[in-house]
Amino acid sequence: MAKITYRHPNGTETVVDVPVPNTVMRGAKINNIDGIEAQCGGSAQCGTCHVYVDEANTLPLPAMHESEDDVLYGTAAPRRATSRLSCQLPVSAEIDGLVVHLPETQS
C-alpha cells in the first residue's frame, strides 16, 4: 500500500491509499479521481494519464521507457521535465508519499 497525493490544477489535493500491485493511474481510476482519463487502459499508448511528478520528489521511480518518452511528446498538456505517464508508475511501498500534479487537460 502506498499513499499517493493527486494535486489538481485548482490547488486542491486528493490523498488516497493505493494497494500494490496497481499503478498511479489505476489508483486514480479506482478512487474516482477526476483528471486521469486513461483512454487506453494503461498500455502507454494514449497519453491521457499524463501527470507531473512533484519537483521535490526523492522517491525511487522506474526509468522512463522509450515508448513512454515518445507518447509524452504528443500529450494535450505541455510536456515538462517531470512529466510521466501514470500508467507507467507502479505502486510499491517505496513510493509511499508520492505527489503528482494533474495537468489542466488530458485530451
N, C-alpha and C. Protein backbone atom coordinates (compact mmCIF):
# COMPACT_ATOMS: atom_id res chain seq x y z
N MET A 1 0.86 -1.18 0.00
CA MET A 1 0.00 0.00 0.00
C MET A 1 0.90 1.23 0.00
N ALA A 2 0.49 2.23 -0.76
CA ALA A 2 1.21 3.50 -0.79
C ALA A 2 0.21 4.64 -0.79
N LYS A 3 0.52 5.67 -0.06
CA LYS A 3 -0.30 6.87 -0.04
C LYS A 3 0.17 7.76 -1.20
N ILE A 4 -0.76 8.07 -2.10
CA ILE A 4 -0.46 8.89 -3.28
C ILE A 4 -1.31 10.16 -3.19
N THR A 5 -0.68 11.30 -3.44
CA THR A 5 -1.38 12.58 -3.46
C THR A 5 -1.52 13.04 -4.90
N TYR A 6 -2.77 13.29 -5.30
CA TYR A 6 -3.07 13.82 -6.62
C TYR A 6 -3.43 15.29 -6.44
N ARG A 7 -2.60 16.18 -6.94
CA ARG A 7 -2.82 17.61 -6.79
C ARG A 7 -3.50 18.12 -8.06
N HIS A 8 -4.69 18.67 -7.89
CA HIS A 8 -5.50 19.14 -9.01
C HIS A 8 -5.04 20.53 -9.46
N PRO A 9 -5.34 20.90 -10.71
CA PRO A 9 -4.92 22.20 -11.23
C PRO A 9 -5.41 23.40 -10.39
N ASN A 10 -6.54 23.23 -9.70
CA ASN A 10 -7.06 24.34 -8.88
C ASN A 10 -6.42 24.41 -7.50
N GLY A 11 -5.45 23.51 -7.24
CA GLY A 11 -4.73 23.53 -5.97
C GLY A 11 -5.23 22.56 -4.92
N THR A 12 -6.41 21.98 -5.13
CA THR A 12 -6.91 21.00 -4.16
C THR A 12 -6.12 19.70 -4.30
N GLU A 13 -6.13 18.93 -3.24
CA GLU A 13 -5.42 17.65 -3.24
C GLU A 13 -6.37 16.52 -2.86
N THR A 14 -6.16 15.39 -3.46
CA THR A 14 -6.84 14.17 -3.08
C THR A 14 -5.76 13.17 -2.69
N VAL A 15 -5.82 12.68 -1.47
CA VAL A 15 -4.83 11.73 -0.97
C VAL A 15 -5.54 10.39 -0.78
N VAL A 16 -4.98 9.35 -1.39
CA VAL A 16 -5.60 8.02 -1.30
C VAL A 16 -4.53 6.97 -1.03
N ASP A 17 -4.96 5.88 -0.42
CA ASP A 17 -4.12 4.69 -0.28
C ASP A 17 -4.35 3.82 -1.50
N VAL A 18 -3.28 3.48 -2.19
CA VAL A 18 -3.37 2.65 -3.39
C VAL A 18 -2.67 1.33 -3.11
N PRO A 19 -3.42 0.24 -3.24
CA PRO A 19 -2.80 -1.07 -2.97
C PRO A 19 -1.85 -1.52 -4.07
N VAL A 20 -0.82 -2.22 -3.64
CA VAL A 20 0.09 -2.90 -4.56
C VAL A 20 -0.70 -4.06 -5.16
N PRO A 21 -0.60 -4.43 -6.39
CA PRO A 21 0.33 -4.03 -7.43
C PRO A 21 -0.30 -3.11 -8.48
N ASN A 22 -1.00 -2.09 -8.09
CA ASN A 22 -1.60 -1.16 -9.05
C ASN A 22 -0.57 -0.18 -9.57
N THR A 23 -1.03 0.73 -10.41
CA THR A 23 -0.21 1.85 -10.88
C THR A 23 -0.81 3.13 -10.34
N VAL A 24 -0.09 4.21 -10.46
CA VAL A 24 -0.61 5.51 -10.05
C VAL A 24 -1.87 5.84 -10.84
N MET A 25 -1.91 5.47 -12.12
CA MET A 25 -3.10 5.68 -12.94
C MET A 25 -4.27 4.88 -12.42
N ARG A 26 -4.05 3.61 -12.14
CA ARG A 26 -5.14 2.74 -11.65
C ARG A 26 -5.63 3.22 -10.29
N GLY A 27 -4.73 3.72 -9.47
CA GLY A 27 -5.12 4.28 -8.17
C GLY A 27 -6.08 5.44 -8.34
N ALA A 28 -5.84 6.27 -9.34
CA ALA A 28 -6.75 7.39 -9.62
C ALA A 28 -8.10 6.88 -10.09
N LYS A 29 -8.09 5.89 -10.96
CA LYS A 29 -9.35 5.37 -11.50
C LYS A 29 -10.19 4.67 -10.44
N ILE A 30 -9.58 3.82 -9.61
CA ILE A 30 -10.37 3.10 -8.61
C ILE A 30 -10.86 4.01 -7.49
N ASN A 31 -10.25 5.19 -7.37
CA ASN A 31 -10.68 6.15 -6.36
C ASN A 31 -11.47 7.32 -6.96
N ASN A 32 -11.88 7.19 -8.22
CA ASN A 32 -12.72 8.20 -8.89
C ASN A 32 -12.13 9.60 -8.86
N ILE A 33 -10.83 9.69 -9.13
CA ILE A 33 -10.17 10.98 -9.15
C ILE A 33 -10.29 11.59 -10.54
N ASP A 34 -10.88 12.77 -10.61
CA ASP A 34 -11.00 13.47 -11.88
C ASP A 34 -9.62 13.93 -12.35
N GLY A 35 -9.43 13.90 -13.66
CA GLY A 35 -8.19 14.42 -14.23
C GLY A 35 -7.31 13.36 -14.85
N ILE A 36 -7.64 12.10 -14.67
CA ILE A 36 -6.93 11.00 -15.32
C ILE A 36 -7.95 10.27 -16.18
N GLU A 37 -7.81 10.39 -17.49
CA GLU A 37 -8.76 9.74 -18.40
C GLU A 37 -8.40 8.27 -18.67
N ALA A 38 -7.15 8.01 -18.96
CA ALA A 38 -6.66 6.65 -19.20
C ALA A 38 -7.45 5.94 -20.29
N GLN A 39 -7.57 6.57 -21.43
CA GLN A 39 -8.38 6.02 -22.52
C GLN A 39 -7.89 4.67 -23.02
N CYS A 40 -6.58 4.42 -22.97
CA CYS A 40 -6.06 3.14 -23.48
C CYS A 40 -6.02 2.07 -22.39
N GLY A 41 -6.42 2.41 -21.19
CA GLY A 41 -6.48 1.43 -20.11
C GLY A 41 -5.15 1.12 -19.46
N GLY A 42 -4.14 1.87 -19.76
CA GLY A 42 -2.86 1.68 -19.10
C GLY A 42 -1.79 1.01 -19.93
N SER A 43 -1.91 1.07 -21.24
CA SER A 43 -0.91 0.42 -22.10
C SER A 43 0.10 1.40 -22.70
N ALA A 44 0.19 2.60 -22.14
CA ALA A 44 1.18 3.61 -22.56
C ALA A 44 1.05 3.98 -24.04
N GLN A 45 -0.18 4.11 -24.51
CA GLN A 45 -0.39 4.43 -25.91
C GLN A 45 -1.09 5.76 -26.15
N CYS A 46 -1.87 6.25 -25.18
CA CYS A 46 -2.72 7.42 -25.47
C CYS A 46 -2.25 8.72 -24.83
N GLY A 47 -1.55 8.65 -23.72
CA GLY A 47 -1.08 9.86 -23.05
C GLY A 47 -2.12 10.57 -22.21
N THR A 48 -3.28 9.96 -21.99
CA THR A 48 -4.34 10.63 -21.22
C THR A 48 -4.27 10.32 -19.72
N CYS A 49 -3.13 9.82 -19.29
CA CYS A 49 -2.88 9.65 -17.85
C CYS A 49 -1.63 10.42 -17.46
N HIS A 50 -1.32 11.43 -18.25
CA HIS A 50 -0.15 12.30 -18.06
C HIS A 50 -0.23 12.97 -16.68
N VAL A 51 0.87 12.95 -15.96
CA VAL A 51 0.99 13.67 -14.69
C VAL A 51 2.35 14.34 -14.64
N TYR A 52 2.45 15.28 -13.72
CA TYR A 52 3.74 15.90 -13.42
C TYR A 52 4.14 15.44 -12.02
N VAL A 53 5.24 14.72 -11.93
CA VAL A 53 5.74 14.29 -10.62
C VAL A 53 6.23 15.55 -9.91
N ASP A 54 5.89 15.66 -8.63
CA ASP A 54 6.29 16.83 -7.86
C ASP A 54 7.79 17.05 -7.97
N GLU A 55 8.19 18.30 -8.16
CA GLU A 55 9.60 18.62 -8.36
C GLU A 55 10.46 18.28 -7.15
N ALA A 56 9.87 18.22 -5.97
CA ALA A 56 10.62 17.89 -4.76
C ALA A 56 10.75 16.39 -4.54
N ASN A 57 10.26 15.58 -5.46
CA ASN A 57 10.26 14.13 -5.28
C ASN A 57 11.67 13.57 -5.15
N THR A 58 11.86 12.71 -4.16
CA THR A 58 13.12 11.98 -4.00
C THR A 58 12.86 10.47 -3.94
N LEU A 59 11.62 10.07 -4.16
CA LEU A 59 11.27 8.66 -4.12
C LEU A 59 11.76 7.96 -5.39
N PRO A 60 12.13 6.70 -5.29
CA PRO A 60 12.66 5.98 -6.45
C PRO A 60 11.56 5.59 -7.44
N LEU A 61 11.61 6.19 -8.61
CA LEU A 61 10.66 5.87 -9.68
C LEU A 61 11.41 5.10 -10.77
N PRO A 62 10.70 4.23 -11.48
CA PRO A 62 11.37 3.49 -12.56
C PRO A 62 11.82 4.43 -13.67
N ALA A 63 12.84 4.01 -14.36
CA ALA A 63 13.32 4.79 -15.51
C ALA A 63 12.23 4.83 -16.57
N MET A 64 12.23 5.89 -17.34
CA MET A 64 11.24 6.04 -18.41
C MET A 64 11.65 5.19 -19.61
N HIS A 65 10.71 4.39 -20.09
CA HIS A 65 10.93 3.60 -21.29
C HIS A 65 10.80 4.49 -22.53
N GLU A 66 11.39 4.06 -23.61
CA GLU A 66 11.36 4.81 -24.86
C GLU A 66 9.92 5.06 -25.33
N SER A 67 9.05 4.07 -25.20
CA SER A 67 7.67 4.23 -25.65
C SER A 67 6.95 5.30 -24.82
N GLU A 68 7.18 5.33 -23.52
CA GLU A 68 6.58 6.38 -22.68
C GLU A 68 7.10 7.75 -23.10
N ASP A 69 8.39 7.83 -23.33
CA ASP A 69 9.01 9.09 -23.77
C ASP A 69 8.37 9.58 -25.06
N ASP A 70 8.15 8.69 -26.01
CA ASP A 70 7.54 9.06 -27.28
C ASP A 70 6.11 9.57 -27.09
N VAL A 71 5.31 8.87 -26.28
CA VAL A 71 3.91 9.26 -26.06
C VAL A 71 3.84 10.63 -25.40
N LEU A 72 4.75 10.93 -24.50
CA LEU A 72 4.71 12.21 -23.78
C LEU A 72 4.91 13.42 -24.70
N TYR A 73 5.46 13.21 -25.88
CA TYR A 73 5.61 14.32 -26.83
C TYR A 73 4.29 14.66 -27.52
N GLY A 74 3.28 13.80 -27.39
CA GLY A 74 2.01 14.05 -28.06
C GLY A 74 0.85 14.28 -27.12
N THR A 75 1.11 14.62 -25.87
CA THR A 75 0.02 14.81 -24.92
C THR A 75 -0.63 16.18 -25.09
N ALA A 76 -1.87 16.29 -24.60
CA ALA A 76 -2.62 17.55 -24.73
C ALA A 76 -2.02 18.65 -23.87
N ALA A 77 -1.51 18.29 -22.70
CA ALA A 77 -0.87 19.27 -21.82
C ALA A 77 0.62 19.33 -22.15
N PRO A 78 1.23 20.47 -21.95
CA PRO A 78 2.66 20.58 -22.28
C PRO A 78 3.52 19.59 -21.50
N ARG A 79 4.50 19.06 -22.17
CA ARG A 79 5.47 18.18 -21.51
C ARG A 79 6.42 19.03 -20.69
N ARG A 80 6.76 18.52 -19.52
CA ARG A 80 7.75 19.16 -18.63
C ARG A 80 8.82 18.14 -18.27
N ALA A 81 9.85 18.61 -17.61
CA ALA A 81 10.93 17.71 -17.19
C ALA A 81 10.41 16.64 -16.23
N THR A 82 9.33 16.92 -15.52
CA THR A 82 8.79 15.98 -14.54
C THR A 82 7.60 15.18 -15.08
N SER A 83 7.32 15.26 -16.37
CA SER A 83 6.19 14.54 -16.97
C SER A 83 6.42 13.05 -16.94
N ARG A 84 5.34 12.33 -16.61
CA ARG A 84 5.33 10.87 -16.67
C ARG A 84 3.92 10.42 -17.05
N LEU A 85 3.83 9.21 -17.57
CA LEU A 85 2.53 8.57 -17.75
C LEU A 85 2.26 7.81 -16.46
N SER A 86 1.15 8.12 -15.81
CA SER A 86 0.88 7.49 -14.52
C SER A 86 0.65 5.99 -14.63
N CYS A 87 0.34 5.51 -15.84
CA CYS A 87 0.19 4.06 -16.03
C CYS A 87 1.54 3.35 -16.00
N GLN A 88 2.61 4.10 -16.07
CA GLN A 88 3.95 3.51 -16.06
C GLN A 88 4.65 3.68 -14.72
N LEU A 89 3.87 4.08 -13.71
CA LEU A 89 4.42 4.25 -12.36
C LEU A 89 3.80 3.21 -11.44
N PRO A 90 4.47 2.08 -11.25
CA PRO A 90 3.91 1.03 -10.40
C PRO A 90 3.91 1.45 -8.93
N VAL A 91 2.85 1.07 -8.25
CA VAL A 91 2.73 1.37 -6.82
C VAL A 91 3.50 0.31 -6.03
N SER A 92 4.29 0.80 -5.08
CA SER A 92 5.02 -0.06 -4.17
C SER A 92 5.19 0.71 -2.86
N ALA A 93 5.60 0.03 -1.83
CA ALA A 93 5.84 0.69 -0.55
C ALA A 93 6.92 1.77 -0.69
N GLU A 94 7.83 1.61 -1.63
CA GLU A 94 8.92 2.57 -1.82
C GLU A 94 8.45 3.93 -2.32
N ILE A 95 7.27 3.99 -2.93
CA ILE A 95 6.79 5.30 -3.42
C ILE A 95 5.70 5.87 -2.52
N ASP A 96 5.57 5.33 -1.31
CA ASP A 96 4.61 5.88 -0.35
C ASP A 96 4.91 7.36 -0.14
N GLY A 97 3.90 8.19 -0.33
CA GLY A 97 4.07 9.64 -0.19
C GLY A 97 4.26 10.38 -1.50
N LEU A 98 4.20 9.68 -2.62
CA LEU A 98 4.38 10.32 -3.93
C LEU A 98 3.31 11.38 -4.15
N VAL A 99 3.73 12.50 -4.70
CA VAL A 99 2.81 13.59 -5.07
C VAL A 99 2.90 13.78 -6.58
N VAL A 100 1.75 13.74 -7.24
CA VAL A 100 1.69 14.02 -8.67
C VAL A 100 0.71 15.16 -8.91
N HIS A 101 1.04 16.00 -9.86
CA HIS A 101 0.20 17.13 -10.25
C HIS A 101 -0.53 16.76 -11.52
N LEU A 102 -1.84 16.99 -11.54
CA LEU A 102 -2.64 16.71 -12.72
C LEU A 102 -2.63 17.92 -13.65
N PRO A 103 -2.46 17.69 -14.94
CA PRO A 103 -2.46 18.81 -15.89
C PRO A 103 -3.87 19.38 -16.08
N GLU A 104 -3.94 20.53 -16.70
CA GLU A 104 -5.22 21.19 -16.96
C GLU A 104 -6.13 20.33 -17.84
N THR A 105 -5.54 19.61 -18.78
CA THR A 105 -6.33 18.80 -19.71
C THR A 105 -5.59 17.53 -20.06
N GLN A 106 -6.33 16.50 -20.44
CA GLN A 106 -5.73 15.24 -20.89
C GLN A 106 -6.03 14.96 -22.36
N SER A 107 -7.05 15.62 -22.91
CA SER A 107 -7.37 15.36 -24.32
C SER A 107 -7.83 16.63 -24.99
